[in-house]
Amino acid sequence: MADWHPVLSAIEQEPGLWWMTSQTGVYGVVRLIRIGDESGYRATTYDEPRRLLGYRRTLRSACELVHRVWVRGHGPDPGADQYPVFLVRKEGLEPSRRSTGS
């Protein structure tokens, strides 16, 4: 799972609204919100009544939050370094990954 990230499970339903999906169905919702000049993302569970999981500044972070809560419902939390962090290099716009220390 080295290059997979939960944002890949986000299916855009309409501009600013993503459903987090797995092979078993939809498990979370991420919605773009705007307050004044600022924008961010609201993360909730999918099942009614929806449960607020939190607010994040990026889509990637909001998707990771929803996915972590969903995974924790199936067993222990796999830890903070489960997903790669991609950084954009100015030269060639190639993705790079955080060192795993091994």
C-alpha atoms as a PDB file:
ATOM      1  CA  MET A   1       0.000   0.000   0.000  1.00  0.00           C
ATOM      2  CA  ALA A   2       2.964   2.305  -0.400  1.00  0.00           C
ATOM      3  CA  ASP A   3       1.370   4.722  -2.854  1.00  0.00           C
ATOM      4  CA  TRP A   4      -2.308   4.437  -1.935  1.00  0.00           C
ATOM      5  CA  HIS A   5      -4.031   7.218   0.003  1.00  0.00           C
ATOM      6  CA  PRO A   6      -7.666   7.491   1.184  1.00  0.00           C
ATOM      7  CA  VAL A   7      -8.250  10.454  -1.143  1.00  0.00           C
ATOM      8  CA  LEU A   8      -8.326   7.821  -3.906  1.00  0.00           C
ATOM      9  CA  SER A   9     -11.528   6.468  -2.338  1.00  0.00           C
ATOM     10  CA  ALA A  10     -13.260   9.841  -2.613  1.00  0.00           C
ATOM     11  CA  ILE A  11     -15.885   9.893  -5.364  1.00  0.00           C
ATOM     12  CA  GLU A  12     -17.099  13.393  -6.219  1.00  0.00           C
ATOM     13  CA  GLN A  13     -20.910  13.468  -6.281  1.00  0.00           C
ATOM     14  CA  GLU A  14     -21.180  17.135  -7.221  1.00  0.00           C
ATOM     15  CA  PRO A  15     -18.720  20.028  -7.024  1.00  0.00           C
ATOM     16  CA  GLY A  16     -17.569  20.240  -3.401  1.00  0.00           C
ATOM     17  CA  LEU A  17     -19.117  16.951  -2.194  1.00  0.00           C
ATOM     18  CA  TRP A  18     -17.254  13.622  -1.991  1.00  0.00           C
ATOM     19  CA  TRP A  19     -18.406  10.208  -0.791  1.00  0.00           C
ATOM     20  CA  MET A  20     -15.763   7.937   0.687  1.00  0.00           C
ATOM     21  CA  THR A  21     -16.313   4.452  -0.708  1.00  0.00           C
ATOM     22  CA  SER A  22     -15.023   0.934  -0.199  1.00  0.00           C
ATOM     23  CA  GLN A  23     -15.902  -2.393  -1.768  1.00  0.00           C
ATOM     24  CA  THR A  24     -18.698  -2.663   0.822  1.00  0.00           C
ATOM     25  CA  GLY A  25     -20.288   0.744   0.111  1.00  0.00           C
ATOM     26  CA  VAL A  26     -20.168   4.374   1.168  1.00  0.00           C
ATOM     27  CA  TYR A  27     -18.725   5.030   4.629  1.00  0.00           C
ATOM     28  CA  GLY A  28     -18.086   8.772   4.846  1.00  0.00           C
ATOM     29  CA  VAL A  29     -18.802  12.224   3.437  1.00  0.00           C
ATOM     30  CA  VAL A  30     -16.447  15.145   2.854  1.00  0.00           C
ATOM     31  CA  ARG A  31     -17.920  18.518   1.965  1.00  0.00           C
ATOM     32  CA  LEU A  32     -16.176  21.735   0.933  1.00  0.00           C
ATOM     33  CA  ILE A  33     -17.285  24.605   3.166  1.00  0.00           C
ATOM     34  CA  ARG A  34     -16.633  28.336   2.956  1.00  0.00           C
ATOM     35  CA  ILE A  35     -16.793  30.800   5.818  1.00  0.00           C
ATOM     36  CA  GLY A  36     -16.002  34.327   4.753  1.00  0.00           C
ATOM     37  CA  ASP A  37     -12.762  34.266   2.766  1.00  0.00           C
ATOM     38  CA  GLU A  38     -11.673  30.900   4.145  1.00  0.00           C
ATOM     39  CA  SER A  39     -12.424  27.433   2.851  1.00  0.00           C
ATOM     40  CA  GLY A  40     -12.030  23.996   4.364  1.00  0.00           C
ATOM     41  CA  TYR A  41     -13.615  20.547   4.505  1.00  0.00           C
ATOM     42  CA  ARG A  42     -16.203  19.036   6.833  1.00  0.00           C
ATOM     43  CA  ALA A  43     -15.834  15.289   7.457  1.00  0.00           C
ATOM     44  CA  THR A  44     -18.771  13.151   8.613  1.00  0.00           C
ATOM     45  CA  THR A  45     -19.866   9.549   8.696  1.00  0.00           C
ATOM     46  CA  TYR A  46     -22.256   8.443   5.941  1.00  0.00           C
ATOM     47  CA  ASP A  47     -24.867   6.616   8.020  1.00  0.00           C
ATOM     48  CA  GLU A  48     -27.785   8.650   9.335  1.00  0.00           C
ATOM     49  CA  PRO A  49     -27.707  10.396  11.677  1.00  0.00           C
ATOM     50  CA  ARG A  50     -24.385  11.633  10.369  1.00  0.00           C
ATOM     51  CA  ARG A  51     -21.683  12.096  12.986  1.00  0.00           C
ATOM     52  CA  LEU A  52     -19.276  15.014  12.679  1.00  0.00           C
ATOM     53  CA  LEU A  53     -15.689  13.759  12.629  1.00  0.00           C
ATOM     54  CA  GLY A  54     -13.973  17.105  12.241  1.00  0.00           C
ATOM     55  CA  TYR A  55     -12.883  19.941   9.983  1.00  0.00           C
ATOM     56  CA  ARG A  56      -9.708  20.018   7.912  1.00  0.00           C
ATOM     57  CA  ARG A  57      -7.948  22.525   5.657  1.00  0.00           C
ATOM     58  CA  THR A  58      -7.230  20.092   2.791  1.00  0.00           C
ATOM     59  CA  LEU A  59      -9.215  17.434   0.960  1.00  0.00           C
ATOM     60  CA  ARG A  60      -6.431  14.894   1.539  1.00  0.00           C
ATOM     61  CA  SER A  61      -6.487  15.459   5.281  1.00  0.00           C
ATOM     62  CA  ALA A  62     -10.289  15.282   5.486  1.00  0.00           C
ATOM     63  CA  CYS A  63     -10.337  12.012   3.513  1.00  0.00           C
ATOM     64  CA  GLU A  64      -7.648  10.563   5.767  1.00  0.00           C
ATOM     65  CA  LEU A  65      -9.659  11.517   8.863  1.00  0.00           C
ATOM     66  CA  VAL A  66     -12.815   9.803   7.570  1.00  0.00           C
ATOM     67  CA  HIS A  67     -10.856   6.716   6.535  1.00  0.00           C
ATOM     68  CA  ARG A  68      -9.038   6.427   9.879  1.00  0.00           C
ATOM     69  CA  VAL A  69     -12.344   6.498  11.778  1.00  0.00           C
ATOM     70  CA  TRP A  70     -13.768   3.852   9.438  1.00  0.00           C
ATOM     71  CA  VAL A  71     -10.680   1.617   9.797  1.00  0.00           C
ATOM     72  CA  ARG A  72     -10.745   1.978  13.604  1.00  0.00           C
ATOM     73  CA  GLY A  73     -14.251   0.538  13.496  1.00  0.00           C
ATOM     74  CA  HIS A  74     -12.711  -2.704  12.182  1.00  0.00           C
ATOM     75  CA  GLY A  75      -9.697  -3.041  14.487  1.00  0.00           C
ATOM     76  CA  PRO A  76      -6.764  -1.169  16.026  1.00  0.00           C
ATOM     77  CA  ASP A  77      -5.535   2.128  14.541  1.00  0.00           C
ATOM     78  CA  PRO A  78      -2.612   1.366  12.179  1.00  0.00           C
ATOM     79  CA  GLY A  79      -0.689   4.502  13.210  1.00  0.00           C
ATOM     80  CA  ALA A  80       0.126   7.987  11.982  1.00  0.00           C
ATOM     81  CA  ASP A  81       2.563   6.998   9.210  1.00  0.00           C
ATOM     82  CA  GLN A  82       0.212   4.623   7.413  1.00  0.00           C
ATOM     83  CA  TYR A  83      -0.131   6.787   4.282  1.00  0.00           C
ATOM     84  CA  PRO A  84       2.607   8.432   2.191  1.00  0.00           C
ATOM     85  CA  VAL A  85       3.030  12.185   2.150  1.00  0.00           C
ATOM     86  CA  PHE A  86       3.611  13.452  -1.368  1.00  0.00           C
ATOM     87  CA  LEU A  87       5.475  16.698  -1.846  1.00  0.00           C
ATOM     88  CA  VAL A  88       5.619  18.537  -5.155  1.00  0.00           C
ATOM     89  CA  ARG A  89       9.120  19.416  -6.312  1.00  0.00           C
ATOM     90  CA  LYS A  90       9.413  22.661  -8.216  1.00  0.00           C
ATOM     91  CA  GLU A  91      11.771  21.247 -10.877  1.00  0.00           C
ATOM     92  CA  GLY A  92       9.784  18.417 -12.399  1.00  0.00           C
ATOM     93  CA  LEU A  93       6.648  18.242 -10.278  1.00  0.00           C
ATOM     94  CA  GLU A  94       7.554  14.691  -9.338  1.00  0.00           C
ATOM     95  CA  PRO A  95       6.051  13.222  -6.194  1.00  0.00           C
ATOM     96  CA  SER A  96       8.431  12.345  -3.388  1.00  0.00           C
ATOM     97  CA  ARG A  97       7.717  10.310  -0.259  1.00  0.00           C
ATOM     98  CA  ARG A  98       8.577  10.836   3.356  1.00  0.00           C
ATOM     99  CA  SER A  99      11.308   8.513   4.555  1.00  0.00           C
ATOM    100  CA  THR A 100       9.960   5.555   6.511  1.00  0.00           C
ATOM    101  CA  GLY A 101      13.190   5.233   8.477  1.00  0.00           C
ATOM    102  CA  SER A 102      14.017   1.768   7.131  1.00  0.00           C
END
